[in-house]
PDB file of all heavy atoms in Angstrom:
ATOM      1  N   ALA A   1      98.731  95.174 117.980  1.00  0.00           N
ATOM      2  CA  ALA A   1      99.605  95.909 117.065  1.00  0.00           C
ATOM      3  C   ALA A   1     100.317  94.962 116.110  1.00  0.00           C
ATOM      4  O   ALA A   1     100.419  95.222 114.905  1.00  0.00           O
ATOM      5  CB  ALA A   1     100.617  96.727 117.865  1.00  0.00           C
ATOM      6  N   GLY A   2     100.803  93.842 116.640  1.00  0.00           N
ATOM      7  CA  GLY A   2     101.492  92.869 115.791  1.00  0.00           C
ATOM      8  C   GLY A   2     100.590  92.308 114.704  1.00  0.00           C
ATOM      9  O   GLY A   2     101.008  92.147 113.547  1.00  0.00           O
ATOM     10  N   ALA A   3      99.325  92.019 115.058  1.00  0.00           N
ATOM     11  CA  ALA A   3      98.388  91.460 114.076  1.00  0.00           C
ATOM     12  C   ALA A   3      98.081  92.463 112.973  1.00  0.00           C
ATOM     13  O   ALA A   3      98.056  92.110 111.782  1.00  0.00           O
ATOM     14  CB  ALA A   3      97.106  91.021 114.778  1.00  0.00           C
ATOM     15  N   LEU A   4      97.838  93.721 113.351  1.00  0.00           N
ATOM     16  CA  LEU A   4      97.502  94.732 112.344  1.00  0.00           C
ATOM     17  C   LEU A   4      98.655  94.981 111.381  1.00  0.00           C
ATOM     18  O   LEU A   4      98.454  95.088 110.166  1.00  0.00           O
ATOM     19  CB  LEU A   4      97.101  96.037 113.031  1.00  0.00           C
ATOM     20  CG  LEU A   4      95.704  96.076 113.650  1.00  0.00           C
ATOM     21  CD1 LEU A   4      95.468  97.413 114.342  1.00  0.00           C
ATOM     22  CD2 LEU A   4      94.638  95.859 112.573  1.00  0.00           C
ATOM     23  N   VAL A   5      99.868  95.076 111.910  1.00  0.00           N
ATOM     24  CA  VAL A   5     101.025  95.331 111.039  1.00  0.00           C
ATOM     25  C   VAL A   5     101.287  94.125 110.143  1.00  0.00           C
ATOM     26  O   VAL A   5     101.624  94.271 108.967  1.00  0.00           O
ATOM     27  CB  VAL A   5     102.275  95.684 111.879  1.00  0.00           C
ATOM     28  CG1 VAL A   5     103.497  95.827 110.981  1.00  0.00           C
ATOM     29  CG2 VAL A   5     102.045  96.980 112.651  1.00  0.00           C
ATOM     30  N   THR A   6     101.122  92.921 110.689  1.00  0.00           N
ATOM     31  CA  THR A   6     101.305  91.714 109.869  1.00  0.00           C
ATOM     32  C   THR A   6     100.330  91.709 108.700  1.00  0.00           C
ATOM     33  O   THR A   6     100.711  91.475 107.550  1.00  0.00           O
ATOM     34  CB  THR A   6     101.104  90.440 110.710  1.00  0.00           C
ATOM     35  OG1 THR A   6     102.020  90.433 111.801  1.00  0.00           O
ATOM     36  CG2 THR A   6     101.332  89.192 109.867  1.00  0.00           C
ATOM     37  N   GLY A   7      99.063  91.968 108.985  1.00  0.00           N
ATOM     38  CA  GLY A   7      98.051  91.955 107.932  1.00  0.00           C
ATOM     39  C   GLY A   7      98.220  93.055 106.911  1.00  0.00           C
ATOM     40  O   GLY A   7      97.794  92.916 105.761  1.00  0.00           O
ATOM     41  N   SER A   8      98.858  94.161 107.318  1.00  0.00           N
ATOM     42  CA  SER A   8      99.056  95.294 106.408  1.00  0.00           C
ATOM     43  C   SER A   8     100.379  95.237 105.667  1.00  0.00           C
ATOM     44  O   SER A   8     100.624  96.057 104.775  1.00  0.00           O
ATOM     45  CB  SER A   8      99.002  96.610 107.215  1.00  0.00           C
ATOM     46  OG  SER A   8      97.790  96.720 107.925  1.00  0.00           O
ATOM     47  N   ALA A   9     101.243  94.298 106.034  1.00  0.00           N
ATOM     48  CA  ALA A   9     102.600  94.264 105.475  1.00  0.00           C
ATOM     49  C   ALA A   9     102.587  93.949 103.977  1.00  0.00           C
ATOM     50  O   ALA A   9     101.809  93.121 103.508  1.00  0.00           O
ATOM     51  CB  ALA A   9     103.437  93.224 106.214  1.00  0.00           C
ATOM     52  N   SER A  10     103.467  94.621 103.258  1.00  0.00           N
ATOM     53  CA  SER A  10     103.651  94.337 101.835  1.00  0.00           C
ATOM     54  C   SER A  10     104.975  93.628 101.592  1.00  0.00           C
ATOM     55  O   SER A  10     105.273  93.239 100.463  1.00  0.00           O
ATOM     56  CB  SER A  10     103.602  95.635 101.024  1.00  0.00           C
ATOM     57  OG  SER A  10     104.591  96.551 101.475  1.00  0.00           O
ATOM     58  N   ILE A  11     105.776  93.477 102.648  1.00  0.00           N
ATOM     59  CA  ILE A  11     107.082  92.827 102.562  1.00  0.00           C
ATOM     60  C   ILE A  11     107.088  91.664 103.554  1.00  0.00           C
ATOM     61  O   ILE A  11     106.675  91.800 104.706  1.00  0.00           O
ATOM     62  CB  ILE A  11     108.218  93.821 102.904  1.00  0.00           C
ATOM     63  CG1 ILE A  11     108.192  94.989 101.928  1.00  0.00           C
ATOM     64  CG2 ILE A  11     109.576  93.118 102.850  1.00  0.00           C
ATOM     65  CD1 ILE A  11     109.167  96.101 102.295  1.00  0.00           C
ATOM     66  N   TYR A  12     107.565  90.528 103.097  1.00  0.00           N
ATOM     67  CA  TYR A  12     107.576  89.317 103.919  1.00  0.00           C
ATOM     68  C   TYR A  12     108.326  89.521 105.227  1.00  0.00           C
ATOM     69  O   TYR A  12     107.852  89.101 106.293  1.00  0.00           O
ATOM     70  CB  TYR A  12     108.207  88.175 103.112  1.00  0.00           C
ATOM     71  CG  TYR A  12     108.495  86.916 103.895  1.00  0.00           C
ATOM     72  CD1 TYR A  12     107.466  86.099 104.352  1.00  0.00           C
ATOM     73  CD2 TYR A  12     109.810  86.536 104.168  1.00  0.00           C
ATOM     74  CE1 TYR A  12     107.729  84.935 105.052  1.00  0.00           C
ATOM     75  CE2 TYR A  12     110.080  85.376 104.871  1.00  0.00           C
ATOM     76  CZ  TYR A  12     109.044  84.583 105.315  1.00  0.00           C
ATOM     77  OH  TYR A  12     109.309  83.443 106.015  1.00  0.00           O
ATOM     78  N   ALA A  13     109.492  90.167 105.205  1.00  0.00           N
ATOM     79  CA  ALA A  13     110.288  90.360 106.411  1.00  0.00           C
ATOM     80  C   ALA A  13     109.530  91.170 107.453  1.00  0.00           C
ATOM     81  O   ALA A  13     109.635  90.910 108.652  1.00  0.00           O
ATOM     82  CB  ALA A  13     111.615  91.040 106.069  1.00  0.00           C
ATOM     83  N   VAL A  14     108.759  92.166 107.000  1.00  0.00           N
ATOM     84  CA  VAL A  14     107.958  92.976 107.924  1.00  0.00           C
ATOM     85  C   VAL A  14     106.876  92.108 108.564  1.00  0.00           C
ATOM     86  O   VAL A  14     106.606  92.209 109.770  1.00  0.00           O
ATOM     87  CB  VAL A  14     107.335  94.182 107.193  1.00  0.00           C
ATOM     88  CG1 VAL A  14     106.362  94.925 108.110  1.00  0.00           C
ATOM     89  CG2 VAL A  14     108.420  95.128 106.686  1.00  0.00           C
ATOM     90  N   ALA A  15     106.247  91.244 107.779  1.00  0.00           N
ATOM     91  CA  ALA A  15     105.218  90.353 108.316  1.00  0.00           C
ATOM     92  C   ALA A  15     105.800  89.423 109.367  1.00  0.00           C
ATOM     93  O   ALA A  15     105.189  89.204 110.421  1.00  0.00           O
ATOM     94  CB  ALA A  15     104.581  89.546 107.179  1.00  0.00           C
ATOM     95  N   VAL A  16     106.989  88.878 109.107  1.00  0.00           N
ATOM     96  CA  VAL A  16     107.638  87.991 110.072  1.00  0.00           C
ATOM     97  C   VAL A  16     107.927  88.729 111.373  1.00  0.00           C
ATOM     98  O   VAL A  16     107.659  88.231 112.475  1.00  0.00           O
ATOM     99  CB  VAL A  16     108.934  87.399 109.479  1.00  0.00           C
ATOM    100  CG1 VAL A  16     109.722  86.637 110.552  1.00  0.00           C
ATOM    101  CG2 VAL A  16     108.616  86.468 108.317  1.00  0.00           C
ATOM    102  N   ALA A  17     108.492  89.951 111.252  1.00  0.00           N
ATOM    103  CA  ALA A  17     108.835  90.727 112.449  1.00  0.00           C
ATOM    104  C   ALA A  17     107.587  91.112 113.240  1.00  0.00           C
ATOM    105  O   ALA A  17     107.571  91.030 114.476  1.00  0.00           O
ATOM    106  CB  ALA A  17     109.621  91.972 112.048  1.00  0.00           C
ATOM    107  N   ALA A  18     106.539  91.527 112.541  1.00  0.00           N
ATOM    108  CA  ALA A  18     105.314  91.951 113.227  1.00  0.00           C
ATOM    109  C   ALA A  18     104.624  90.772 113.909  1.00  0.00           C
ATOM    110  O   ALA A  18     104.104  90.911 115.021  1.00  0.00           O
ATOM    111  CB  ALA A  18     104.366  92.610 112.228  1.00  0.00           C
ATOM    112  N   TRP A  19     104.634  89.606 113.255  1.00  0.00           N
ATOM    113  CA  TRP A  19     104.020  88.442 113.878  1.00  0.00           C
ATOM    114  C   TRP A  19     104.822  87.992 115.095  1.00  0.00           C
ATOM    115  O   TRP A  19     104.268  87.445 116.046  1.00  0.00           O
ATOM    116  CB  TRP A  19     103.871  87.320 112.862  1.00  0.00           C
ATOM    117  CG  TRP A  19     102.966  86.217 113.313  1.00  0.00           C
ATOM    118  CD1 TRP A  19     103.263  84.906 113.429  1.00  0.00           C
ATOM    119  CD2 TRP A  19     101.592  86.339 113.712  1.00  0.00           C
ATOM    120  NE1 TRP A  19     102.177  84.186 113.877  1.00  0.00           N
ATOM    121  CE2 TRP A  19     101.136  85.044 114.064  1.00  0.00           C
ATOM    122  CE3 TRP A  19     100.711  87.414 113.800  1.00  0.00           C
ATOM    123  CZ2 TRP A  19      99.836  84.802 114.498  1.00  0.00           C
ATOM    124  CZ3 TRP A  19      99.415  87.173 114.250  1.00  0.00           C
ATOM    125  CH2 TRP A  19      98.987  85.883 114.586  1.00  0.00           C
ATOM    126  N   ALA A  20     106.127  88.251 115.083  1.00  0.00           N
ATOM    127  CA  ALA A  20     106.951  87.969 116.253  1.00  0.00           C
ATOM    128  C   ALA A  20     106.559  88.866 117.425  1.00  0.00           C
ATOM    129  O   ALA A  20     106.616  88.449 118.589  1.00  0.00           O
ATOM    130  CB  ALA A  20     108.429  88.141 115.920  1.00  0.00           C
ATOM    131  N   VAL A  21     106.158  90.114 117.146  1.00  0.00           N
ATOM    132  CA  VAL A  21     105.665  91.007 118.201  1.00  0.00           C
ATOM    133  C   VAL A  21     104.408  90.420 118.830  1.00  0.00           C
ATOM    134  O   VAL A  21     104.220  90.453 120.049  1.00  0.00           O
ATOM    135  CB  VAL A  21     105.383  92.416 117.629  1.00  0.00           C
ATOM    136  CG1 VAL A  21     104.670  93.285 118.665  1.00  0.00           C
ATOM    137  CG2 VAL A  21     106.683  93.084 117.198  1.00  0.00           C
ATOM    138  N   ASN A  22     103.546  89.865 117.995  1.00  0.00           N
ATOM    139  CA  ASN A  22     102.361  89.196 118.519  1.00  0.00           C
ATOM    140  C   ASN A  22     102.763  88.046 119.435  1.00  0.00           C
ATOM    141  O   ASN A  22     102.142  87.820 120.482  1.00  0.00           O
ATOM    142  CB  ASN A  22     101.515  88.677 117.353  1.00  0.00           C
ATOM    143  CG  ASN A  22     100.160  88.154 117.794  1.00  0.00           C
ATOM    144  OD1 ASN A  22     100.058  87.030 118.275  1.00  0.00           O
ATOM    145  ND2 ASN A  22      99.133  88.962 117.622  1.00  0.00           N
ATOM    146  N   GLY A  23     103.826  87.333 119.068  1.00  0.00           N
ATOM    147  CA  GLY A  23     104.314  86.235 119.901  1.00  0.00           C
ATOM    148  C   GLY A  23     104.809  86.705 121.254  1.00  0.00           C
ATOM    149  O   GLY A  23     104.594  86.041 122.281  1.00  0.00           O
ATOM    150  N   ALA A  24     105.487  87.873 121.282  1.00  0.00           N
ATOM    151  CA  ALA A  24     105.960  88.424 122.554  1.00  0.00           C
ATOM    152  C   ALA A  24     104.789  88.726 123.481  1.00  0.00           C
ATOM    153  O   ALA A  24     104.806  88.402 124.679  1.00  0.00           O
ATOM    154  CB  ALA A  24     106.775  89.693 122.295  1.00  0.00           C
ATOM    155  N   GLY A  25     103.750  89.343 122.927  1.00  0.00           N
ATOM    156  CA  GLY A  25     102.567  89.609 123.734  1.00  0.00           C
ATOM    157  C   GLY A  25     101.896  88.342 124.206  1.00  0.00           C
ATOM    158  O   GLY A  25     101.418  88.256 125.344  1.00  0.00           O
ATOM    159  N   SER A  26     101.877  87.327 123.341  1.00  0.00           N
ATOM    160  CA  SER A  26     101.278  86.054 123.708  1.00  0.00           C
ATOM    161  C   SER A  26     101.995  85.417 124.892  1.00  0.00           C
ATOM    162  O   SER A  26     101.354  84.830 125.775  1.00  0.00           O
ATOM    163  CB  SER A  26     101.313  85.109 122.495  1.00  0.00           C
ATOM    164  OG  SER A  26     100.845  83.829 122.830  1.00  0.00           O
ATOM    165  N   ALA A  27     103.332  85.509 124.923  1.00  0.00           N
ATOM    166  CA  ALA A  27     104.103  84.938 126.030  1.00  0.00           C
ATOM    167  C   ALA A  27     103.689  85.562 127.359  1.00  0.00           C
ATOM    168  O   ALA A  27     103.483  84.866 128.359  1.00  0.00           O
ATOM    169  CB  ALA A  27     105.596  85.150 125.790  1.00  0.00           C
ATOM    170  N   ILE A  28     103.559  86.873 127.374  1.00  0.00           N
ATOM    171  CA  ILE A  28     103.204  87.577 128.612  1.00  0.00           C
ATOM    172  C   ILE A  28     101.752  87.292 129.001  1.00  0.00           C
ATOM    173  O   ILE A  28     101.446  87.049 130.173  1.00  0.00           O
ATOM    174  CB  ILE A  28     103.441  89.086 128.446  1.00  0.00           C
ATOM    175  CG1 ILE A  28     104.930  89.358 128.180  1.00  0.00           C
ATOM    176  CG2 ILE A  28     102.975  89.845 129.690  1.00  0.00           C
ATOM    177  CD1 ILE A  28     105.235  90.791 127.819  1.00  0.00           C
ATOM    178  N   LEU A  29     100.852  87.307 128.018  1.00  0.00           N
ATOM    179  CA  LEU A  29      99.442  87.063 128.315  1.00  0.00           C
ATOM    180  C   LEU A  29      99.232  85.666 128.881  1.00  0.00           C
ATOM    181  O   LEU A  29      98.550  85.490 129.902  1.00  0.00           O
ATOM    182  CB  LEU A  29      98.611  87.232 127.040  1.00  0.00           C
ATOM    183  CG  LEU A  29      97.114  86.957 127.192  1.00  0.00           C
ATOM    184  CD1 LEU A  29      96.461  87.979 128.108  1.00  0.00           C
ATOM    185  CD2 LEU A  29      96.425  86.937 125.826  1.00  0.00           C
ATOM    186  N   PHE A  30      99.823  84.652 128.230  1.00  0.00           N
ATOM    187  CA  PHE A  30      99.626  83.279 128.688  1.00  0.00           C
ATOM    188  C   PHE A  30     100.225  83.087 130.078  1.00  0.00           C
ATOM    189  O   PHE A  30      99.627  82.429 130.937  1.00  0.00           O
ATOM    190  CB  PHE A  30     100.265  82.309 127.694  1.00  0.00           C
ATOM    191  CG  PHE A  30      99.950  80.867 127.986  1.00  0.00           C
ATOM    192  CD1 PHE A  30      98.792  80.287 127.517  1.00  0.00           C
ATOM    193  CD2 PHE A  30     100.804  80.090 128.738  1.00  0.00           C
ATOM    194  CE1 PHE A  30      98.492  78.957 127.788  1.00  0.00           C
ATOM    195  CE2 PHE A  30     100.523  78.766 129.015  1.00  0.00           C
ATOM    196  CZ  PHE A  30      99.363  78.204 128.539  1.00  0.00           C
ATOM    197  N   ALA A  31     101.396  83.670 130.313  1.00  0.00           N
ATOM    198  CA  ALA A  31     102.024  83.542 131.626  1.00  0.00           C
ATOM    199  C   ALA A  31     101.159  84.184 132.710  1.00  0.00           C
ATOM    200  O   ALA A  31     101.027  83.655 133.816  1.00  0.00           O
ATOM    201  CB  ALA A  31     103.411  84.177 131.605  1.00  0.00           C
ATOM    202  N   ALA A  32     100.559  85.332 132.411  1.00  0.00           N
ATOM    203  CA  ALA A  32      99.726  86.022 133.385  1.00  0.00           C
ATOM    204  C   ALA A  32      98.475  85.205 133.717  1.00  0.00           C
ATOM    205  O   ALA A  32      98.090  85.084 134.886  1.00  0.00           O
ATOM    206  CB  ALA A  32      99.331  87.400 132.852  1.00  0.00           C
ATOM    207  N   GLN A  33      97.846  84.627 132.695  1.00  0.00           N
ATOM    208  CA  GLN A  33      96.657  83.828 132.949  1.00  0.00           C
ATOM    209  C   GLN A  33      97.005  82.550 133.707  1.00  0.00           C
ATOM    210  O   GLN A  33      96.279  82.119 134.605  1.00  0.00           O
ATOM    211  CB  GLN A  33      95.975  83.499 131.617  1.00  0.00           C
ATOM    212  CG  GLN A  33      95.367  84.720 130.943  1.00  0.00           C
ATOM    213  CD  GLN A  33      94.657  84.375 129.654  1.00  0.00           C
ATOM    214  OE1 GLN A  33      95.047  83.460 128.935  1.00  0.00           O
ATOM    215  NE2 GLN A  33      93.605  85.115 129.337  1.00  0.00           N
ATOM    216  N   TYR A  34      98.127  81.957 133.334  1.00  0.00           N
ATOM    217  CA  TYR A  34      98.569  80.738 134.015  1.00  0.00           C
ATOM    218  C   TYR A  34      98.889  81.041 135.479  1.00  0.00           C
ATOM    219  O   TYR A  34      98.536  80.285 136.383  1.00  0.00           O
ATOM    220  CB  TYR A  34      99.811  80.191 133.309  1.00  0.00           C
ATOM    221  CG  TYR A  34      99.949  78.692 133.405  1.00  0.00           C
ATOM    222  CD1 TYR A  34      99.679  77.882 132.318  1.00  0.00           C
ATOM    223  CD2 TYR A  34     100.331  78.097 134.594  1.00  0.00           C
ATOM    224  CE1 TYR A  34      99.808  76.508 132.408  1.00  0.00           C
ATOM    225  CE2 TYR A  34     100.459  76.739 134.702  1.00  0.00           C
ATOM    226  CZ  TYR A  34     100.192  75.949 133.603  1.00  0.00           C
ATOM    227  OH  TYR A  34     100.307  74.588 133.707  1.00  0.00           O
ATOM    228  N   SER A  35      99.574  82.166 135.721  1.00  0.00           N
ATOM    229  CA  SER A  35      99.919  82.564 137.080  1.00  0.00           C
ATOM    230  C   SER A  35      98.662  82.746 137.926  1.00  0.00           C
ATOM    231  O   SER A  35      98.607  82.341 139.085  1.00  0.00           O
ATOM    232  CB  SER A  35     100.736  83.862 137.041  1.00  0.00           C
ATOM    233  OG  SER A  35     101.006  84.329 138.340  1.00  0.00           O
ATOM    234  N   TYR A  36      97.645  83.331 137.330  1.00  0.00           N
ATOM    235  CA  TYR A  36      96.383  83.541 138.039  1.00  0.00           C
ATOM    236  C   TYR A  36      95.791  82.194 138.483  1.00  0.00           C
ATOM    237  O   TYR A  36      95.401  82.021 139.637  1.00  0.00           O
ATOM    238  CB  TYR A  36      95.411  84.287 137.130  1.00  0.00           C
ATOM    239  CG  TYR A  36      94.117  84.685 137.807  1.00  0.00           C
ATOM    240  CD1 TYR A  36      93.947  85.955 138.335  1.00  0.00           C
ATOM    241  CD2 TYR A  36      93.058  83.785 137.933  1.00  0.00           C
ATOM    242  CE1 TYR A  36      92.769  86.324 138.965  1.00  0.00           C
ATOM    243  CE2 TYR A  36      91.883  84.130 138.562  1.00  0.00           C
ATOM    244  CZ  TYR A  36      91.738  85.411 139.072  1.00  0.00           C
ATOM    245  OH  TYR A  36      90.581  85.759 139.701  1.00  0.00           O
TER     246      TYR A  36
END
């Protein structure tokens, strides 16, 4: 979701916020794989 909204954004602030959502998902994904 973060990637799609970032790529579709027409306003810089929206792109920053959406890419931050991608970062939140990345934190959880990496932690889960590392835990495994």
